[in-house]
Amino acid sequence: MSRILVTGATGNVGKHVVSSLVKAGVEVRALVRDPGTAALPGEVEAVRGDLSSPETLEPALRDVDGVYLMWPGIPVEPRVVEVIAGHTKRVAYLSADVADLADGERPAIFHQEIERLIRKSSLAWTFVRAIDFATNTLAWAGQIRQGVVRMPYGQARRSLIHERDIAAVAVQALTSDGHEGAAYVITGPESLTQADQVRIIGEAIGREVRWEELPPEVAREQLTAAWGNAEFVEARLRAWRAFVDTPERVTDTVERLLGRPALTFRQWAEEHVDDFR
């Protein structure tokens, strides 16, 4: 039986990676900061470690056949890849569709850097380049409870992906052959306007929710205050504006790899009803 180390094991994607591996009969080891408080299935071995401290990874990597790597947005630590490569042969890295990110945008920079480090290593790698996550719409939850979402670019068309599909592709890459050296761009099955996403969430929770267009200059001020990063806000506003005229792309990668259609945004909304009530 193989053993896989999962980083970010309690996160939105990682928890589904864990459950899918367990269901497939794979031994799972989870890298966590505090094994005593980590909410994990009983079959999972929780081992203390921190990606910001490569020296703490040694016990977690002992006798593993592969690693699901999710980088938590901290500064890139090259030694992490070196340590992983010194203990195992296979890694599936949750990256991003860098083409969807603006040049100089921080996520694009660190994803590109980690991919570069992995390519240079001895690891057999697969990059799971996910489009923006459907879970990011949880940021609207407070406004949805009030019945109206006030944001700019309601006609921006997005192809957000369900976190369960991201996990399923990563598990496929870690547990079957033929994925070495692949960079999979994965998206949802359709491109929906942001206003339609809000409407669908409203239908899922059984309450009318509408989109109210917010002028970009007002949104810029509000988002900068909320996020604390003016450069990131500007990059997001540019991307949303671009998606009005050029919808975010849709790929068939999930269906090709899994043999079923990608999960829809409506399915995602119906599964997350409690998060919006």
C-alpha atoms as a PDB file:
ATOM      1  CA  MET A   1       0.000   0.000   0.000  1.00  0.00           C
ATOM      2  CA  SER A   2       1.312   3.458  -0.891  1.00  0.00           C
ATOM      3  CA  ARG A   3       1.570   6.356   1.535  1.00  0.00           C
ATOM      4  CA  ILE A   4       0.949   9.990   0.549  1.00  0.00           C
ATOM      5  CA  LEU A   5       1.844  13.096   2.534  1.00  0.00           C
ATOM      6  CA  VAL A   6      -0.798  15.810   2.294  1.00  0.00           C
ATOM      7  CA  THR A   7       0.015  19.423   3.120  1.00  0.00           C
ATOM      8  CA  GLY A   8      -2.853  21.810   3.803  1.00  0.00           C
ATOM      9  CA  ALA A   9      -4.815  18.731   4.847  1.00  0.00           C
ATOM     10  CA  THR A  10      -7.554  20.631   6.690  1.00  0.00           C
ATOM     11  CA  GLY A  11      -8.046  23.298   4.018  1.00  0.00           C
ATOM     12  CA  ASN A  12     -10.798  23.671   1.429  1.00  0.00           C
ATOM     13  CA  VAL A  13      -9.032  21.430  -1.088  1.00  0.00           C
ATOM     14  CA  GLY A  14      -6.774  19.418   1.195  1.00  0.00           C
ATOM     15  CA  LYS A  15      -9.614  17.893   3.203  1.00  0.00           C
ATOM     16  CA  HIS A  16     -11.039  16.444  -0.024  1.00  0.00           C
ATOM     17  CA  VAL A  17      -7.599  15.167  -1.067  1.00  0.00           C
ATOM     18  CA  VAL A  18      -7.417  13.366   2.288  1.00  0.00           C
ATOM     19  CA  SER A  19     -10.889  11.833   2.070  1.00  0.00           C
ATOM     20  CA  SER A  20     -10.398  10.742  -1.548  1.00  0.00           C
ATOM     21  CA  LEU A  21      -7.074   9.075  -0.785  1.00  0.00           C
ATOM     22  CA  VAL A  22      -8.543   7.286   2.230  1.00  0.00           C
ATOM     23  CA  LYS A  23     -11.463   6.086   0.104  1.00  0.00           C
ATOM     24  CA  ALA A  24      -8.979   4.784  -2.469  1.00  0.00           C
ATOM     25  CA  GLY A  25      -7.230   2.725   0.201  1.00  0.00           C
ATOM     26  CA  VAL A  26      -4.108   4.870   0.322  1.00  0.00           C
ATOM     27  CA  GLU A  27      -2.318   5.489   3.619  1.00  0.00           C
ATOM     28  CA  VAL A  28      -2.453   9.211   4.353  1.00  0.00           C
ATOM     29  CA  ARG A  29      -0.091  11.268   6.440  1.00  0.00           C
ATOM     30  CA  ALA A  30      -1.053  14.878   7.091  1.00  0.00           C
ATOM     31  CA  LEU A  31       1.407  17.671   7.738  1.00  0.00           C
ATOM     32  CA  VAL A  32      -0.103  19.886  10.438  1.00  0.00           C
ATOM     33  CA  ARG A  33       1.122  22.446  12.908  1.00  0.00           C
ATOM     34  CA  ASP A  34      -0.728  20.878  15.834  1.00  0.00           C
ATOM     35  CA  PRO A  35      -1.660  17.177  15.570  1.00  0.00           C
ATOM     36  CA  GLY A  36      -3.747  17.483  18.730  1.00  0.00           C
ATOM     37  CA  THR A  37      -6.228  19.931  17.238  1.00  0.00           C
ATOM     38  CA  ALA A  38      -6.295  18.872  13.571  1.00  0.00           C
ATOM     39  CA  ALA A  39      -9.741  17.649  12.510  1.00  0.00           C
ATOM     40  CA  LEU A  40      -8.838  14.604  10.429  1.00  0.00           C
ATOM     41  CA  PRO A  41     -10.339  11.167   9.781  1.00  0.00           C
ATOM     42  CA  GLY A  42      -9.237   8.515  12.238  1.00  0.00           C
ATOM     43  CA  GLU A  43      -7.287   6.601   9.580  1.00  0.00           C
ATOM     44  CA  VAL A  44      -5.020   9.585   8.920  1.00  0.00           C
ATOM     45  CA  GLU A  45      -1.644   9.966  10.622  1.00  0.00           C
ATOM     46  CA  ALA A  46      -1.092  13.569  11.683  1.00  0.00           C
ATOM     47  CA  VAL A  47       2.554  14.662  11.894  1.00  0.00           C
ATOM     48  CA  ARG A  48       3.774  18.022  13.129  1.00  0.00           C
ATOM     49  CA  GLY A  49       5.597  20.193  10.602  1.00  0.00           C
ATOM     50  CA  ASP A  50       5.677  23.620   8.994  1.00  0.00           C
ATOM     51  CA  LEU A  51       6.513  24.519   5.394  1.00  0.00           C
ATOM     52  CA  SER A  52       8.212  27.670   6.600  1.00  0.00           C
ATOM     53  CA  SER A  53      10.743  25.480   8.479  1.00  0.00           C
ATOM     54  CA  PRO A  54      12.125  22.826   6.092  1.00  0.00           C
ATOM     55  CA  GLU A  55      13.961  21.037   8.903  1.00  0.00           C
ATOM     56  CA  THR A  56      10.615  20.108  10.483  1.00  0.00           C
ATOM     57  CA  LEU A  57       9.525  18.139   7.402  1.00  0.00           C
ATOM     58  CA  GLU A  58      11.869  15.172   7.781  1.00  0.00           C
ATOM     59  CA  PRO A  59       9.621  13.021  10.048  1.00  0.00           C
ATOM     60  CA  ALA A  60       6.562  13.640   7.875  1.00  0.00           C
ATOM     61  CA  LEU A  61       8.395  12.677   4.676  1.00  0.00           C
ATOM     62  CA  ARG A  62       9.827   9.423   5.979  1.00  0.00           C
ATOM     63  CA  ASP A  63       8.683   6.465   3.825  1.00  0.00           C
ATOM     64  CA  VAL A  64       6.163   8.368   1.706  1.00  0.00           C
ATOM     65  CA  ASP A  65       5.581   7.604  -1.972  1.00  0.00           C
ATOM     66  CA  GLY A  66       4.337  11.019  -2.959  1.00  0.00           C
ATOM     67  CA  VAL A  67       3.365  14.484  -1.744  1.00  0.00           C
ATOM     68  CA  TYR A  68       0.371  16.699  -2.353  1.00  0.00           C
ATOM     69  CA  LEU A  69       1.905  20.155  -2.017  1.00  0.00           C
ATOM     70  CA  MET A  70      -0.176  23.256  -1.364  1.00  0.00           C
ATOM     71  CA  TRP A  71       1.796  26.437  -0.731  1.00  0.00           C
ATOM     72  CA  PRO A  72       0.069  28.616   1.906  1.00  0.00           C
ATOM     73  CA  GLY A  73       1.116  32.000   0.512  1.00  0.00           C
ATOM     74  CA  ILE A  74       4.143  32.401   2.770  1.00  0.00           C
ATOM     75  CA  PRO A  75       7.521  33.424   1.299  1.00  0.00           C
ATOM     76  CA  VAL A  76       8.999  30.731  -0.939  1.00  0.00           C
ATOM     77  CA  GLU A  77      11.507  28.515   0.870  1.00  0.00           C
ATOM     78  CA  PRO A  78      13.637  26.661  -1.732  1.00  0.00           C
ATOM     79  CA  ARG A  79      14.849  24.145   0.835  1.00  0.00           C
ATOM     80  CA  VAL A  80      11.338  22.693   1.080  1.00  0.00           C
ATOM     81  CA  VAL A  81      11.540  21.325  -2.455  1.00  0.00           C
ATOM     82  CA  GLU A  82      15.040  19.999  -1.798  1.00  0.00           C
ATOM     83  CA  VAL A  83      13.878  18.164   1.328  1.00  0.00           C
ATOM     84  CA  ILE A  84      10.852  16.692  -0.448  1.00  0.00           C
ATOM     85  CA  ALA A  85      13.003  15.522  -3.362  1.00  0.00           C
ATOM     86  CA  GLY A  86      15.384  13.893  -0.911  1.00  0.00           C
ATOM     87  CA  HIS A  87      12.655  11.639   0.478  1.00  0.00           C
ATOM     88  CA  THR A  88      10.170  10.849  -2.280  1.00  0.00           C
ATOM     89  CA  LYS A  89       9.826  10.708  -6.043  1.00  0.00           C
ATOM     90  CA  ARG A  90       6.417  12.169  -6.864  1.00  0.00           C
ATOM     91  CA  VAL A  91       4.695  15.475  -6.159  1.00  0.00           C
ATOM     92  CA  ALA A  92       1.403  17.017  -7.231  1.00  0.00           C
ATOM     93  CA  TYR A  93       1.597  20.766  -6.720  1.00  0.00           C
ATOM     94  CA  LEU A  94      -1.548  22.874  -6.465  1.00  0.00           C
ATOM     95  CA  SER A  95      -0.569  25.806  -8.639  1.00  0.00           C
ATOM     96  CA  ALA A  96      -2.642  28.393 -10.493  1.00  0.00           C
ATOM     97  CA  ASP A  97      -3.536  29.260 -14.043  1.00  0.00           C
ATOM     98  CA  VAL A  98      -0.833  31.893 -14.200  1.00  0.00           C
ATOM     99  CA  ALA A  99      -2.256  33.238 -17.477  1.00  0.00           C
ATOM    100  CA  ASP A 100      -5.234  34.411 -15.440  1.00  0.00           C
ATOM    101  CA  LEU A 101      -3.008  36.386 -13.063  1.00  0.00           C
ATOM    102  CA  ALA A 102      -1.535  39.780 -13.758  1.00  0.00           C
ATOM    103  CA  ASP A 103       2.203  40.181 -14.250  1.00  0.00           C
ATOM    104  CA  GLY A 104       3.763  41.008 -10.916  1.00  0.00           C
ATOM    105  CA  GLU A 105       0.757  39.785  -8.947  1.00  0.00           C
ATOM    106  CA  ARG A 106       2.104  38.028  -5.848  1.00  0.00           C
ATOM    107  CA  PRO A 107       0.348  34.652  -6.386  1.00  0.00           C
ATOM    108  CA  ALA A 108       1.728  34.504  -9.925  1.00  0.00           C
ATOM    109  CA  ILE A 109       5.238  35.178  -8.661  1.00  0.00           C
ATOM    110  CA  PHE A 110       5.332  32.497  -5.989  1.00  0.00           C
ATOM    111  CA  HIS A 111       3.561  29.856  -8.106  1.00  0.00           C
ATOM    112  CA  GLN A 112       6.048  30.430 -10.908  1.00  0.00           C
ATOM    113  CA  GLU A 113       8.968  30.252  -8.469  1.00  0.00           C
ATOM    114  CA  ILE A 114       7.807  27.004  -6.846  1.00  0.00           C
ATOM    115  CA  GLU A 115       7.129  25.424 -10.236  1.00  0.00           C
ATOM    116  CA  ARG A 116      10.649  26.402 -11.309  1.00  0.00           C
ATOM    117  CA  LEU A 117      12.175  24.826  -8.193  1.00  0.00           C
ATOM    118  CA  ILE A 118      10.200  21.613  -8.704  1.00  0.00           C
ATOM    119  CA  ARG A 119      11.181  21.407 -12.383  1.00  0.00           C
ATOM    120  CA  LYS A 120      14.858  21.688 -11.413  1.00  0.00           C
ATOM    121  CA  SER A 121      14.552  18.910  -8.819  1.00  0.00           C
ATOM    122  CA  SER A 122      14.605  15.142  -9.301  1.00  0.00           C
ATOM    123  CA  LEU A 123      10.870  14.894  -8.572  1.00  0.00           C
ATOM    124  CA  ALA A 124       8.337  13.415 -10.963  1.00  0.00           C
ATOM    125  CA  TRP A 125       5.898  16.312 -10.918  1.00  0.00           C
ATOM    126  CA  THR A 126       2.367  17.246 -11.914  1.00  0.00           C
ATOM    127  CA  PHE A 127       1.150  20.830 -11.702  1.00  0.00           C
ATOM    128  CA  VAL A 128      -2.563  21.219 -11.024  1.00  0.00           C
ATOM    129  CA  ARG A 129      -3.167  24.744 -12.280  1.00  0.00           C
ATOM    130  CA  ALA A 130      -6.590  25.629 -10.953  1.00  0.00           C
ATOM    131  CA  ILE A 131      -8.584  28.587 -12.163  1.00  0.00           C
ATOM    132  CA  ASP A 132     -10.047  30.758  -9.394  1.00  0.00           C
ATOM    133  CA  PHE A 133     -11.848  28.671  -6.739  1.00  0.00           C
ATOM    134  CA  ALA A 134     -15.621  28.697  -6.304  1.00  0.00           C
ATOM    135  CA  THR A 135     -14.949  28.920  -2.557  1.00  0.00           C
ATOM    136  CA  ASN A 136     -13.679  32.471  -3.064  1.00  0.00           C
ATOM    137  CA  THR A 137     -17.294  33.578  -3.479  1.00  0.00           C
ATOM    138  CA  LEU A 138     -17.692  32.890   0.238  1.00  0.00           C
ATOM    139  CA  ALA A 139     -16.276  36.407   0.573  1.00  0.00           C
ATOM    140  CA  TRP A 140     -19.742  37.582  -0.490  1.00  0.00           C
ATOM    141  CA  ALA A 141     -21.480  35.712   2.346  1.00  0.00           C
ATOM    142  CA  GLY A 142     -22.121  38.752   4.538  1.00  0.00           C
ATOM    143  CA  GLN A 143     -23.640  40.723   1.670  1.00  0.00           C
ATOM    144  CA  ILE A 144     -25.660  37.734   0.471  1.00  0.00           C
ATOM    145  CA  ARG A 145     -27.272  37.495   3.908  1.00  0.00           C
ATOM    146  CA  GLN A 146     -28.374  41.098   3.362  1.00  0.00           C
ATOM    147  CA  GLY A 147     -29.839  40.231  -0.053  1.00  0.00           C
ATOM    148  CA  VAL A 148     -27.536  42.305  -2.259  1.00  0.00           C
ATOM    149  CA  VAL A 149     -23.905  42.030  -3.370  1.00  0.00           C
ATOM    150  CA  ARG A 150     -22.318  45.378  -4.212  1.00  0.00           C
ATOM    151  CA  MET A 151     -19.221  44.851  -6.349  1.00  0.00           C
ATOM    152  CA  PRO A 152     -17.883  46.027  -9.710  1.00  0.00           C
ATOM    153  CA  TYR A 153     -18.003  44.189 -13.037  1.00  0.00           C
ATOM    154  CA  GLY A 154     -21.062  42.035 -12.543  1.00  0.00           C
ATOM    155  CA  GLN A 155     -20.861  40.986 -16.213  1.00  0.00           C
ATOM    156  CA  ALA A 156     -17.361  39.549 -15.810  1.00  0.00           C
ATOM    157  CA  ARG A 157     -17.641  35.900 -16.854  1.00  0.00           C
ATOM    158  CA  ARG A 158     -15.813  33.422 -14.621  1.00  0.00           C
ATOM    159  CA  SER A 159     -15.247  29.649 -14.866  1.00  0.00           C
ATOM    160  CA  LEU A 160     -14.756  28.966 -11.164  1.00  0.00           C
ATOM    161  CA  ILE A 161     -13.887  25.414 -10.154  1.00  0.00           C
ATOM    162  CA  HIS A 162     -15.295  23.280  -7.344  1.00  0.00           C
ATOM    163  CA  GLU A 163     -12.698  22.352  -4.728  1.00  0.00           C
ATOM    164  CA  ARG A 164     -13.721  18.687  -4.973  1.00  0.00           C
ATOM    165  CA  ASP A 165     -12.675  18.648  -8.625  1.00  0.00           C
ATOM    166  CA  ILE A 166      -9.291  20.157  -7.773  1.00  0.00           C
ATOM    167  CA  ALA A 167      -8.762  17.432  -5.172  1.00  0.00           C
ATOM    168  CA  ALA A 168      -9.898  14.680  -7.531  1.00  0.00           C
ATOM    169  CA  VAL A 169      -7.411  15.730 -10.207  1.00  0.00           C
ATOM    170  CA  ALA A 170      -4.577  15.900  -7.658  1.00  0.00           C
ATOM    171  CA  VAL A 171      -5.431  12.429  -6.349  1.00  0.00           C
ATOM    172  CA  GLN A 172      -5.542  11.071  -9.897  1.00  0.00           C
ATOM    173  CA  ALA A 173      -2.067  12.479 -10.522  1.00  0.00           C
ATOM    174  CA  LEU A 174      -0.714  10.923  -7.321  1.00  0.00           C
ATOM    175  CA  THR A 175      -2.275   7.473  -7.644  1.00  0.00           C
ATOM    176  CA  SER A 176      -2.113   6.645 -11.363  1.00  0.00           C
ATOM    177  CA  ASP A 177       0.489   6.688 -14.108  1.00  0.00           C
ATOM    178  CA  GLY A 178       0.817   8.994 -17.080  1.00  0.00           C
ATOM    179  CA  HIS A 179       0.818  12.364 -15.341  1.00  0.00           C
ATOM    180  CA  GLU A 180       4.530  13.023 -14.969  1.00  0.00           C
ATOM    181  CA  GLY A 181       5.504  16.388 -16.432  1.00  0.00           C
ATOM    182  CA  ALA A 182       1.889  17.470 -16.984  1.00  0.00           C
ATOM    183  CA  ALA A 183       0.595  20.954 -16.205  1.00  0.00           C
ATOM    184  CA  TYR A 184      -3.179  20.647 -16.061  1.00  0.00           C
ATOM    185  CA  VAL A 185      -5.249  23.825 -16.332  1.00  0.00           C
ATOM    186  CA  ILE A 186      -8.555  22.943 -14.689  1.00  0.00           C
ATOM    187  CA  THR A 187     -11.736  25.023 -14.673  1.00  0.00           C
ATOM    188  CA  GLY A 188     -15.413  24.704 -14.037  1.00  0.00           C
ATOM    189  CA  PRO A 189     -17.606  23.445 -16.934  1.00  0.00           C
ATOM    190  CA  GLU A 190     -19.081  26.835 -17.850  1.00  0.00           C
ATOM    191  CA  SER A 191     -18.423  30.551 -17.797  1.00  0.00           C
ATOM    192  CA  LEU A 192     -20.921  32.507 -15.685  1.00  0.00           C
ATOM    193  CA  THR A 193     -21.180  36.201 -14.977  1.00  0.00           C
ATOM    194  CA  GLN A 194     -20.553  37.249 -11.409  1.00  0.00           C
ATOM    195  CA  ALA A 195     -24.131  38.515 -11.282  1.00  0.00           C
ATOM    196  CA  ASP A 196     -25.356  35.052 -12.316  1.00  0.00           C
ATOM    197  CA  GLN A 197     -23.239  33.451  -9.596  1.00  0.00           C
ATOM    198  CA  VAL A 198     -24.972  35.634  -7.011  1.00  0.00           C
ATOM    199  CA  ARG A 199     -28.388  34.747  -8.455  1.00  0.00           C
ATOM    200  CA  ILE A 200     -27.565  31.020  -8.342  1.00  0.00           C
ATOM    201  CA  ILE A 201     -26.429  31.242  -4.718  1.00  0.00           C
ATOM    202  CA  GLY A 202     -29.714  32.973  -3.919  1.00  0.00           C
ATOM    203  CA  GLU A 203     -31.677  30.197  -5.617  1.00  0.00           C
ATOM    204  CA  ALA A 204     -29.708  27.581  -3.684  1.00  0.00           C
ATOM    205  CA  ILE A 205     -30.487  29.196  -0.326  1.00  0.00           C
ATOM    206  CA  GLY A 206     -34.095  29.917  -1.288  1.00  0.00           C
ATOM    207  CA  ARG A 207     -33.882  33.690  -1.147  1.00  0.00           C
ATOM    208  CA  GLU A 208     -33.611  36.357  -3.827  1.00  0.00           C
ATOM    209  CA  VAL A 209     -30.172  37.918  -3.935  1.00  0.00           C
ATOM    210  CA  ARG A 210     -29.318  40.614  -6.447  1.00  0.00           C
ATOM    211  CA  TRP A 211     -26.145  42.177  -7.786  1.00  0.00           C
ATOM    212  CA  GLU A 212     -25.694  45.933  -7.505  1.00  0.00           C
ATOM    213  CA  GLU A 213     -22.986  47.396  -9.694  1.00  0.00           C
ATOM    214  CA  LEU A 214     -20.387  49.316  -7.680  1.00  0.00           C
ATOM    215  CA  PRO A 215     -18.249  51.911  -9.487  1.00  0.00           C
ATOM    216  CA  PRO A 216     -14.659  50.619  -9.787  1.00  0.00           C
ATOM    217  CA  GLU A 217     -13.226  53.683  -8.054  1.00  0.00           C
ATOM    218  CA  VAL A 218     -15.461  53.056  -5.026  1.00  0.00           C
ATOM    219  CA  ALA A 219     -14.617  49.341  -5.044  1.00  0.00           C
ATOM    220  CA  ARG A 220     -10.915  50.170  -5.250  1.00  0.00           C
ATOM    221  CA  GLU A 221     -11.106  52.202  -2.061  1.00  0.00           C
ATOM    222  CA  GLN A 222     -13.224  49.661  -0.176  1.00  0.00           C
ATOM    223  CA  LEU A 223     -11.205  46.604  -1.236  1.00  0.00           C
ATOM    224  CA  THR A 224      -7.884  48.272  -0.475  1.00  0.00           C
ATOM    225  CA  ALA A 225      -9.121  49.024   3.025  1.00  0.00           C
ATOM    226  CA  ALA A 226     -10.345  45.443   3.436  1.00  0.00           C
ATOM    227  CA  TRP A 227      -7.427  43.596   1.830  1.00  0.00           C
ATOM    228  CA  GLY A 228      -4.607  45.967   2.707  1.00  0.00           C
ATOM    229  CA  ASN A 229      -2.834  45.539  -0.629  1.00  0.00           C
ATOM    230  CA  ALA A 230      -3.494  48.217  -3.259  1.00  0.00           C
ATOM    231  CA  GLU A 231      -1.415  46.438  -5.907  1.00  0.00           C
ATOM    232  CA  PHE A 232      -3.388  43.215  -5.537  1.00  0.00           C
ATOM    233  CA  VAL A 233      -6.694  45.101  -5.645  1.00  0.00           C
ATOM    234  CA  GLU A 234      -5.644  46.849  -8.846  1.00  0.00           C
ATOM    235  CA  ALA A 235      -4.674  43.527 -10.424  1.00  0.00           C
ATOM    236  CA  ARG A 236      -8.022  41.972  -9.515  1.00  0.00           C
ATOM    237  CA  LEU A 237      -9.966  44.941 -10.893  1.00  0.00           C
ATOM    238  CA  ARG A 238      -8.037  44.699 -14.175  1.00  0.00           C
ATOM    239  CA  ALA A 239      -8.761  40.986 -14.418  1.00  0.00           C
ATOM    240  CA  TRP A 240     -12.486  41.392 -13.723  1.00  0.00           C
ATOM    241  CA  ARG A 241     -12.729  44.202 -16.269  1.00  0.00           C
ATOM    242  CA  ALA A 242     -11.001  41.996 -18.854  1.00  0.00           C
ATOM    243  CA  PHE A 243     -13.431  39.120 -18.205  1.00  0.00           C
ATOM    244  CA  VAL A 244     -16.349  41.331 -19.255  1.00  0.00           C
ATOM    245  CA  ASP A 245     -15.146  41.353 -22.873  1.00  0.00           C
ATOM    246  CA  THR A 246     -13.084  38.149 -22.828  1.00  0.00           C
ATOM    247  CA  PRO A 247     -14.628  35.489 -20.586  1.00  0.00           C
ATOM    248  CA  GLU A 248     -12.357  33.372 -18.439  1.00  0.00           C
ATOM    249  CA  ARG A 249     -11.492  30.277 -20.404  1.00  0.00           C
ATOM    250  CA  VAL A 250     -13.157  26.904 -19.936  1.00  0.00           C
ATOM    251  CA  THR A 251     -11.161  23.687 -20.333  1.00  0.00           C
ATOM    252  CA  ASP A 252     -12.330  20.079 -20.581  1.00  0.00           C
ATOM    253  CA  THR A 253      -9.396  18.817 -18.514  1.00  0.00           C
ATOM    254  CA  VAL A 254     -11.455  17.644 -15.541  1.00  0.00           C
ATOM    255  CA  GLU A 255     -13.733  15.580 -17.774  1.00  0.00           C
ATOM    256  CA  ARG A 256     -10.812  14.086 -19.708  1.00  0.00           C
ATOM    257  CA  LEU A 257      -8.976  13.067 -16.547  1.00  0.00           C
ATOM    258  CA  LEU A 258     -11.894  11.931 -14.406  1.00  0.00           C
ATOM    259  CA  GLY A 259     -14.280  10.572 -17.019  1.00  0.00           C
ATOM    260  CA  ARG A 260     -17.134  12.786 -15.836  1.00  0.00           C
ATOM    261  CA  PRO A 261     -18.108  16.430 -16.315  1.00  0.00           C
ATOM    262  CA  ALA A 262     -16.678  19.026 -13.975  1.00  0.00           C
ATOM    263  CA  LEU A 263     -19.020  19.971 -11.142  1.00  0.00           C
ATOM    264  CA  THR A 264     -21.130  23.055 -11.844  1.00  0.00           C
ATOM    265  CA  PHE A 265     -21.261  26.249  -9.834  1.00  0.00           C
ATOM    266  CA  ARG A 266     -24.881  25.420  -8.975  1.00  0.00           C
ATOM    267  CA  GLN A 267     -23.749  22.104  -7.474  1.00  0.00           C
ATOM    268  CA  TRP A 268     -21.132  23.978  -5.482  1.00  0.00           C
ATOM    269  CA  ALA A 269     -23.691  26.504  -4.226  1.00  0.00           C
ATOM    270  CA  GLU A 270     -26.120  23.763  -3.178  1.00  0.00           C
ATOM    271  CA  GLU A 271     -23.345  22.062  -1.205  1.00  0.00           C
ATOM    272  CA  HIS A 272     -22.468  25.325   0.593  1.00  0.00           C
ATOM    273  CA  VAL A 273     -25.926  26.571   1.516  1.00  0.00           C
ATOM    274  CA  ASP A 274     -25.121  26.632   5.225  1.00  0.00           C
ATOM    275  CA  ASP A 275     -22.151  28.943   4.564  1.00  0.00           C
ATOM    276  CA  PHE A 276     -24.481  31.640   3.243  1.00  0.00           C
ATOM    277  CA  ARG A 277     -27.284  31.435   5.782  1.00  0.00           C
END
